[in-house]
Amino acid sequence: ELAPYLNLGWQLVITIGLMALLGWWVDNQFQTSPVFIIIFSLFGIVAGLVSFFRTVLNINKKDKGKKID
């Protein structure tokens, strides 16, 4: 029952981390530090949270559809 929830934290951390890493790389390419790391990190936070909540709501919706005997 808990299996779908186990990877949600890692999924959130990886999304934010990859976007921050991408922002760091863009900042290094254009010498604009810390503009893009902030922008990409915020985008990663929003995208990660949207994905997190969609997954949780979908799991809860599936669980409510099951009948408890």
Protein backbone atom coordinates (compact mmCIF):
# COMPACT_ATOMS: atom_id res chain seq x y z
CA GLU A 1 0.00 0.00 0.00
CA LEU A 2 2.85 2.39 0.72
CA ALA A 3 4.90 1.62 -2.38
CA PRO A 4 3.56 4.50 -4.51
CA TYR A 5 4.46 7.00 -1.76
CA LEU A 6 8.03 5.84 -1.20
CA ASN A 7 9.61 7.54 -4.21
CA LEU A 8 7.70 10.83 -4.04
CA GLY A 9 10.32 12.54 -1.88
CA TRP A 10 13.15 11.48 -4.14
CA GLN A 11 11.23 12.57 -7.21
CA LEU A 12 10.76 16.04 -5.70
CA VAL A 13 14.42 16.37 -4.67
CA ILE A 14 15.72 15.18 -8.04
CA THR A 15 13.47 17.57 -9.97
CA ILE A 16 14.58 20.57 -7.93
CA GLY A 17 18.23 19.46 -7.98
CA LEU A 18 18.34 18.96 -11.75
CA MET A 19 16.74 22.34 -12.40
CA ALA A 20 19.18 24.05 -10.02
CA LEU A 21 22.06 22.28 -11.76
CA LEU A 22 20.76 23.45 -15.14
CA GLY A 23 20.51 27.02 -13.81
CA TRP A 24 24.06 26.82 -12.48
CA TRP A 25 25.30 25.62 -15.89
CA VAL A 26 23.47 28.44 -17.74
CA ASP A 27 24.86 31.00 -15.28
CA ASN A 28 28.38 29.72 -15.94
CA GLN A 29 27.86 29.92 -19.72
CA PHE A 30 26.59 33.50 -19.69
CA GLN A 31 28.34 34.81 -16.53
CA THR A 32 25.00 35.86 -15.03
CA SER A 33 25.32 34.28 -11.59
CA PRO A 34 22.94 33.82 -9.68
CA VAL A 35 20.07 34.87 -11.96
CA PHE A 36 19.38 31.61 -13.78
CA ILE A 37 20.03 29.34 -10.82
CA ILE A 38 17.29 31.20 -8.93
CA ILE A 39 14.89 31.15 -11.88
CA PHE A 40 15.45 27.47 -12.68
CA SER A 41 15.34 26.48 -9.00
CA LEU A 42 11.99 28.20 -8.54
CA PHE A 43 10.70 26.54 -11.69
CA GLY A 44 11.94 23.18 -10.37
CA ILE A 45 10.17 23.75 -7.06
CA VAL A 46 6.89 24.58 -8.78
CA ALA A 47 7.16 21.70 -11.26
CA GLY A 48 8.17 19.26 -8.52
CA LEU A 49 5.30 20.26 -6.23
CA VAL A 50 2.75 20.09 -9.06
CA SER A 51 3.97 16.60 -9.93
CA PHE A 52 3.98 15.60 -6.26
CA PHE A 53 0.40 16.73 -5.62
CA ARG A 54 -0.91 15.23 -8.87
CA THR A 55 0.60 11.88 -7.95
CA VAL A 56 -0.80 11.98 -4.41
CA LEU A 57 -4.27 12.96 -5.64
CA ASN A 58 -4.25 10.21 -8.29
CA ILE A 59 -3.22 7.61 -5.71
CA ASN A 60 -5.94 8.79 -3.31
CA LYS A 61 -8.51 8.74 -6.10
CA LYS A 62 -7.58 5.14 -6.94
CA ASP A 63 -7.74 4.16 -3.27
CA LYS A 64 -11.23 5.65 -2.85
CA GLY A 65 -12.44 3.63 -5.81
CA LYS A 66 -11.54 0.38 -4.07
CA LYS A 67 -14.17 -1.18 -1.84
CA ILE A 68 -13.09 -2.15 1.63
CA ASP A 69 -14.38 -5.58 2.67
